[in-house]
N, C-alpha and C. Protein backbone atom coordinates (compact mmCIF):
# COMPACT_ATOMS: atom_id res chain seq x y z
N MET A 1 33.80 -11.78 25.24
CA MET A 1 35.15 -11.47 24.80
C MET A 1 35.72 -12.59 23.91
N PHE A 2 35.41 -13.83 24.26
CA PHE A 2 35.89 -14.96 23.45
C PHE A 2 35.37 -14.88 22.03
N LEU A 3 34.09 -14.52 21.88
CA LEU A 3 33.50 -14.43 20.55
C LEU A 3 34.19 -13.35 19.71
N VAL A 4 34.49 -12.22 20.32
CA VAL A 4 35.18 -11.14 19.60
C VAL A 4 36.57 -11.62 19.16
N HIS A 5 37.27 -12.29 20.04
CA HIS A 5 38.60 -12.81 19.73
C HIS A 5 38.52 -13.80 18.56
N TRP A 6 37.53 -14.68 18.59
CA TRP A 6 37.35 -15.67 17.53
C TRP A 6 37.05 -14.99 16.19
N ILE A 7 36.16 -14.00 16.21
CA ILE A 7 35.78 -13.30 14.97
C ILE A 7 36.98 -12.54 14.40
N VAL A 8 37.74 -11.87 15.25
CA VAL A 8 38.91 -11.13 14.78
C VAL A 8 39.93 -12.09 14.18
N ASN A 9 40.17 -13.24 14.83
CA ASN A 9 41.09 -14.23 14.28
C ASN A 9 40.62 -14.75 12.93
N TRP A 10 39.32 -14.98 12.82
CA TRP A 10 38.74 -15.45 11.55
C TRP A 10 38.95 -14.41 10.45
N LEU A 11 38.68 -13.14 10.75
CA LEU A 11 38.85 -12.08 9.76
C LEU A 11 40.32 -11.90 9.38
N LEU A 12 41.22 -12.04 10.35
CA LEU A 12 42.64 -11.93 10.05
C LEU A 12 43.10 -13.09 9.16
N GLY A 13 42.59 -14.29 9.43
CA GLY A 13 42.91 -15.43 8.58
C GLY A 13 42.39 -15.24 7.17
N ALA A 14 41.18 -14.70 7.05
CA ALA A 14 40.60 -14.44 5.73
C ALA A 14 41.41 -13.37 4.99
N LEU A 15 41.84 -12.34 5.72
CA LEU A 15 42.66 -11.30 5.11
C LEU A 15 43.99 -11.89 4.62
N ALA A 16 44.59 -12.74 5.43
CA ALA A 16 45.85 -13.39 5.03
C ALA A 16 45.63 -14.24 3.77
N LEU A 17 44.55 -14.99 3.73
CA LEU A 17 44.26 -15.81 2.56
C LEU A 17 44.02 -14.95 1.32
N TRP A 18 43.29 -13.86 1.49
CA TRP A 18 43.03 -12.95 0.38
C TRP A 18 44.35 -12.33 -0.12
N LEU A 19 45.24 -11.96 0.82
CA LEU A 19 46.52 -11.38 0.43
C LEU A 19 47.40 -12.40 -0.31
N VAL A 20 47.34 -13.65 0.11
CA VAL A 20 48.09 -14.71 -0.58
C VAL A 20 47.64 -14.79 -2.04
N ALA A 21 46.34 -14.69 -2.25
CA ALA A 21 45.81 -14.74 -3.62
C ALA A 21 46.26 -13.53 -4.43
N GLN A 22 46.51 -12.41 -3.78
CA GLN A 22 46.99 -11.22 -4.49
C GLN A 22 48.48 -11.33 -4.81
N ILE A 23 49.21 -12.07 -3.99
CA ILE A 23 50.66 -12.18 -4.15
C ILE A 23 51.05 -13.29 -5.12
N ILE A 24 50.38 -14.44 -5.02
CA ILE A 24 50.75 -15.62 -5.82
C ILE A 24 49.79 -15.76 -6.99
N PRO A 25 50.28 -15.65 -8.22
CA PRO A 25 49.39 -15.70 -9.39
C PRO A 25 48.61 -17.01 -9.54
N GLY A 26 49.12 -18.11 -9.05
CA GLY A 26 48.46 -19.40 -9.21
C GLY A 26 47.36 -19.68 -8.20
N ILE A 27 47.07 -18.71 -7.35
CA ILE A 27 46.00 -18.86 -6.36
C ILE A 27 44.97 -17.76 -6.61
N GLN A 28 43.71 -18.18 -6.76
CA GLN A 28 42.63 -17.23 -7.03
C GLN A 28 41.58 -17.30 -5.93
N ILE A 29 41.15 -16.12 -5.50
CA ILE A 29 40.04 -15.98 -4.56
C ILE A 29 39.06 -15.01 -5.22
N ARG A 30 37.81 -15.41 -5.35
CA ARG A 30 36.82 -14.59 -6.04
C ARG A 30 36.54 -13.28 -5.30
N GLY A 31 36.60 -13.27 -4.00
CA GLY A 31 36.36 -12.06 -3.22
C GLY A 31 36.62 -12.34 -1.75
N PHE A 32 36.39 -11.34 -0.92
CA PHE A 32 36.67 -11.51 0.51
C PHE A 32 35.71 -12.52 1.14
N GLY A 33 34.50 -12.61 0.63
CA GLY A 33 33.55 -13.62 1.13
C GLY A 33 34.06 -15.03 0.89
N ALA A 34 34.65 -15.26 -0.27
CA ALA A 34 35.23 -16.56 -0.56
C ALA A 34 36.44 -16.82 0.34
N ALA A 35 37.18 -15.77 0.66
CA ALA A 35 38.31 -15.92 1.58
C ALA A 35 37.82 -16.27 2.98
N MET A 36 36.70 -15.67 3.40
CA MET A 36 36.14 -16.00 4.72
C MET A 36 35.68 -17.45 4.76
N LEU A 37 35.00 -17.89 3.70
CA LEU A 37 34.56 -19.28 3.64
C LEU A 37 35.77 -20.21 3.54
N GLY A 38 36.77 -19.83 2.74
CA GLY A 38 37.98 -20.62 2.60
C GLY A 38 38.71 -20.80 3.92
N THR A 39 38.70 -19.77 4.74
CA THR A 39 39.34 -19.86 6.06
C THR A 39 38.64 -20.89 6.93
N ILE A 40 37.34 -20.93 6.87
CA ILE A 40 36.59 -21.93 7.64
C ILE A 40 36.88 -23.34 7.12
N VAL A 41 36.88 -23.50 5.81
CA VAL A 41 37.14 -24.82 5.22
C VAL A 41 38.56 -25.27 5.55
N ILE A 42 39.53 -24.36 5.50
CA ILE A 42 40.91 -24.71 5.86
C ILE A 42 40.95 -25.19 7.31
N ALA A 43 40.26 -24.50 8.20
CA ALA A 43 40.23 -24.91 9.61
C ALA A 43 39.61 -26.29 9.78
N VAL A 44 38.51 -26.54 9.08
CA VAL A 44 37.84 -27.85 9.18
C VAL A 44 38.75 -28.96 8.64
N VAL A 45 39.39 -28.71 7.51
CA VAL A 45 40.29 -29.71 6.93
C VAL A 45 41.47 -29.96 7.88
N ASN A 46 42.03 -28.90 8.46
CA ASN A 46 43.14 -29.05 9.38
C ASN A 46 42.75 -29.80 10.65
N ILE A 47 41.53 -29.60 11.10
CA ILE A 47 41.08 -30.26 12.33
C ILE A 47 40.72 -31.73 12.08
N THR A 48 40.15 -32.03 10.94
CA THR A 48 39.67 -33.40 10.68
C THR A 48 40.73 -34.29 10.04
N ILE A 49 41.28 -33.87 8.93
CA ILE A 49 42.21 -34.70 8.17
C ILE A 49 43.66 -34.47 8.59
N GLY A 50 43.97 -33.26 9.01
CA GLY A 50 45.34 -32.90 9.37
C GLY A 50 45.99 -33.82 10.39
N PRO A 51 45.35 -34.08 11.53
CA PRO A 51 46.00 -34.94 12.53
C PRO A 51 46.28 -36.36 12.02
N ILE A 52 45.40 -36.88 11.20
CA ILE A 52 45.60 -38.23 10.66
C ILE A 52 46.83 -38.24 9.74
N LEU A 53 46.92 -37.27 8.84
CA LEU A 53 48.06 -37.21 7.93
C LEU A 53 49.36 -36.95 8.68
N ARG A 54 49.32 -36.07 9.69
CA ARG A 54 50.53 -35.79 10.46
C ARG A 54 51.00 -37.03 11.21
N PHE A 55 50.06 -37.82 11.71
CA PHE A 55 50.42 -39.06 12.41
C PHE A 55 51.05 -40.07 11.45
N ILE A 56 50.43 -40.23 10.29
CA ILE A 56 50.95 -41.19 9.30
C ILE A 56 52.32 -40.74 8.79
N ALA A 57 52.49 -39.44 8.59
CA ALA A 57 53.73 -38.92 8.00
C ALA A 57 54.79 -38.58 9.05
N TRP A 58 54.53 -38.91 10.30
CA TRP A 58 55.47 -38.56 11.36
C TRP A 58 56.90 -39.04 11.08
N PRO A 59 57.12 -40.27 10.65
CA PRO A 59 58.50 -40.70 10.40
C PRO A 59 59.20 -39.87 9.33
N ILE A 60 58.49 -39.55 8.25
CA ILE A 60 59.08 -38.74 7.18
C ILE A 60 59.37 -37.33 7.69
N THR A 61 58.47 -36.81 8.51
CA THR A 61 58.66 -35.46 9.07
C THR A 61 59.90 -35.42 9.95
N VAL A 62 60.11 -36.44 10.73
CA VAL A 62 61.30 -36.50 11.58
C VAL A 62 62.56 -36.59 10.73
N LEU A 63 62.53 -37.44 9.71
CA LEU A 63 63.70 -37.61 8.84
C LEU A 63 64.06 -36.33 8.09
N THR A 64 63.06 -35.52 7.76
CA THR A 64 63.32 -34.28 7.02
C THR A 64 63.44 -33.07 7.94
N LEU A 65 63.56 -33.35 9.24
CA LEU A 65 63.70 -32.29 10.25
C LEU A 65 62.53 -31.30 10.21
N GLY A 66 61.35 -31.82 9.95
CA GLY A 66 60.14 -31.01 9.99
C GLY A 66 59.73 -30.39 8.67
N LEU A 67 60.57 -30.48 7.65
CA LEU A 67 60.24 -29.84 6.37
C LEU A 67 59.07 -30.52 5.67
N PHE A 68 58.85 -31.80 5.92
CA PHE A 68 57.72 -32.47 5.29
C PHE A 68 56.39 -31.91 5.80
N ARG A 69 56.40 -31.32 6.96
CA ARG A 69 55.18 -30.69 7.50
C ARG A 69 54.69 -29.58 6.55
N TRP A 70 55.64 -28.90 5.92
CA TRP A 70 55.32 -27.86 4.94
C TRP A 70 54.59 -28.48 3.75
N VAL A 71 55.03 -29.64 3.32
CA VAL A 71 54.38 -30.35 2.21
C VAL A 71 52.96 -30.78 2.62
N LEU A 72 52.82 -31.27 3.85
CA LEU A 72 51.48 -31.65 4.34
C LEU A 72 50.55 -30.45 4.40
N ASN A 73 51.05 -29.32 4.87
CA ASN A 73 50.23 -28.10 4.93
C ASN A 73 49.80 -27.66 3.53
N ALA A 74 50.70 -27.80 2.56
CA ALA A 74 50.36 -27.45 1.18
C ALA A 74 49.27 -28.38 0.65
N PHE A 75 49.39 -29.67 0.95
CA PHE A 75 48.38 -30.62 0.53
C PHE A 75 47.02 -30.29 1.16
N LEU A 76 47.02 -29.95 2.44
CA LEU A 76 45.76 -29.61 3.12
C LEU A 76 45.17 -28.32 2.56
N LEU A 77 46.02 -27.36 2.21
CA LEU A 77 45.53 -26.12 1.61
C LEU A 77 44.91 -26.40 0.24
N LYS A 78 45.58 -27.21 -0.56
CA LYS A 78 45.04 -27.59 -1.88
C LYS A 78 43.72 -28.34 -1.73
N LEU A 79 43.65 -29.23 -0.75
CA LEU A 79 42.43 -29.97 -0.49
C LEU A 79 41.29 -29.03 -0.08
N ALA A 80 41.59 -28.07 0.77
CA ALA A 80 40.57 -27.10 1.19
C ALA A 80 40.07 -26.28 0.01
N SER A 81 40.97 -25.96 -0.92
CA SER A 81 40.54 -25.17 -2.09
C SER A 81 39.58 -25.95 -2.97
N MET A 82 39.70 -27.26 -2.97
CA MET A 82 38.79 -28.09 -3.78
C MET A 82 37.36 -28.09 -3.24
N PHE A 83 37.21 -27.81 -1.97
CA PHE A 83 35.89 -27.81 -1.34
C PHE A 83 35.29 -26.41 -1.17
N THR A 84 36.02 -25.38 -1.62
CA THR A 84 35.57 -24.01 -1.41
C THR A 84 35.25 -23.35 -2.74
N PRO A 85 33.99 -22.97 -2.94
CA PRO A 85 33.65 -22.23 -4.18
C PRO A 85 34.34 -20.86 -4.17
N GLY A 86 34.91 -20.49 -5.31
CA GLY A 86 35.57 -19.20 -5.43
C GLY A 86 37.01 -19.20 -4.96
N PHE A 87 37.55 -20.36 -4.62
CA PHE A 87 38.94 -20.48 -4.16
C PHE A 87 39.59 -21.59 -4.97
N ARG A 88 40.64 -21.22 -5.73
CA ARG A 88 41.28 -22.19 -6.62
C ARG A 88 42.79 -22.07 -6.54
N ILE A 89 43.45 -23.22 -6.51
CA ILE A 89 44.91 -23.26 -6.54
C ILE A 89 45.31 -24.09 -7.74
N ASP A 90 46.10 -23.49 -8.62
CA ASP A 90 46.57 -24.17 -9.83
C ASP A 90 47.92 -24.82 -9.55
N GLY A 91 47.93 -26.12 -9.34
CA GLY A 91 49.17 -26.86 -9.17
C GLY A 91 49.66 -26.93 -7.73
N PHE A 92 50.46 -27.95 -7.47
CA PHE A 92 50.94 -28.17 -6.12
C PHE A 92 52.03 -27.18 -5.72
N LEU A 93 52.85 -26.73 -6.67
CA LEU A 93 53.89 -25.76 -6.33
C LEU A 93 53.28 -24.45 -5.83
N ASN A 94 52.17 -24.04 -6.42
CA ASN A 94 51.49 -22.84 -5.93
C ASN A 94 50.93 -23.08 -4.53
N ALA A 95 50.45 -24.29 -4.27
CA ALA A 95 49.97 -24.62 -2.93
C ALA A 95 51.13 -24.61 -1.93
N LEU A 96 52.29 -25.09 -2.35
CA LEU A 96 53.46 -25.10 -1.48
C LEU A 96 53.90 -23.68 -1.14
N LEU A 97 53.98 -22.84 -2.15
CA LEU A 97 54.34 -21.44 -1.92
C LEU A 97 53.25 -20.73 -1.13
N GLY A 98 51.99 -21.01 -1.47
CA GLY A 98 50.87 -20.40 -0.77
C GLY A 98 50.84 -20.77 0.70
N SER A 99 51.17 -22.00 1.01
CA SER A 99 51.21 -22.46 2.40
C SER A 99 52.24 -21.67 3.20
N LEU A 100 53.41 -21.48 2.61
CA LEU A 100 54.47 -20.72 3.28
C LEU A 100 54.07 -19.26 3.47
N VAL A 101 53.59 -18.63 2.42
CA VAL A 101 53.21 -17.21 2.49
C VAL A 101 52.02 -17.02 3.45
N LEU A 102 51.07 -17.94 3.40
CA LEU A 102 49.90 -17.85 4.29
C LEU A 102 50.32 -17.93 5.75
N THR A 103 51.22 -18.83 6.06
CA THR A 103 51.70 -18.96 7.43
C THR A 103 52.38 -17.68 7.90
N VAL A 104 53.27 -17.14 7.08
CA VAL A 104 53.99 -15.92 7.44
C VAL A 104 53.03 -14.75 7.61
N LEU A 105 52.13 -14.56 6.64
CA LEU A 105 51.17 -13.45 6.73
C LEU A 105 50.26 -13.59 7.94
N ASP A 106 49.82 -14.80 8.21
CA ASP A 106 48.94 -15.03 9.35
C ASP A 106 49.65 -14.66 10.66
N ILE A 107 50.89 -15.07 10.80
CA ILE A 107 51.66 -14.74 12.00
C ILE A 107 51.85 -13.23 12.13
N VAL A 108 52.24 -12.58 11.04
CA VAL A 108 52.48 -11.13 11.07
C VAL A 108 51.20 -10.38 11.41
N LEU A 109 50.10 -10.70 10.74
CA LEU A 109 48.83 -10.01 10.99
C LEU A 109 48.37 -10.19 12.44
N HIS A 110 48.48 -11.41 12.95
CA HIS A 110 48.06 -11.65 14.33
C HIS A 110 48.95 -10.89 15.33
N ARG A 111 50.22 -10.86 15.07
CA ARG A 111 51.13 -10.13 15.98
C ARG A 111 50.83 -8.63 15.96
N VAL A 112 50.59 -8.10 14.77
CA VAL A 112 50.31 -6.66 14.66
C VAL A 112 49.01 -6.32 15.38
N VAL A 113 47.96 -7.09 15.17
CA VAL A 113 46.67 -6.76 15.76
C VAL A 113 46.65 -7.01 17.27
N TRP A 114 47.19 -8.13 17.72
CA TRP A 114 47.07 -8.47 19.13
C TRP A 114 48.12 -7.81 20.01
N THR A 115 49.08 -7.06 19.43
CA THR A 115 50.03 -6.32 20.25
C THR A 115 49.69 -4.84 20.33
N LEU A 116 48.62 -4.43 19.66
CA LEU A 116 48.19 -3.02 19.71
C LEU A 116 47.53 -2.70 21.02
């Protein structure tokens, strides 16, 4: 059951990433396979580099009432796109918008699927 849950979450994340690329012109995904790979790379970047950056940026995050976390997520998304073939983000503003849209879509898709 755990494996099925993990695979469904992975596919939902890939779908959210693919939808972000359809919504935001500055983000390109070559296909759903690239979105699946991009989802894995985003997870690896968030697990490895994310905690270090969040720790270093903690004072700024507190001062901005958590809004700097959005900037960190955009940076991590842009970083993940650099390591993923077929996934490209043009400029930091697109990464910032993509981070927000990706978070919202991911939450919505997970709620829809896991409440059925």
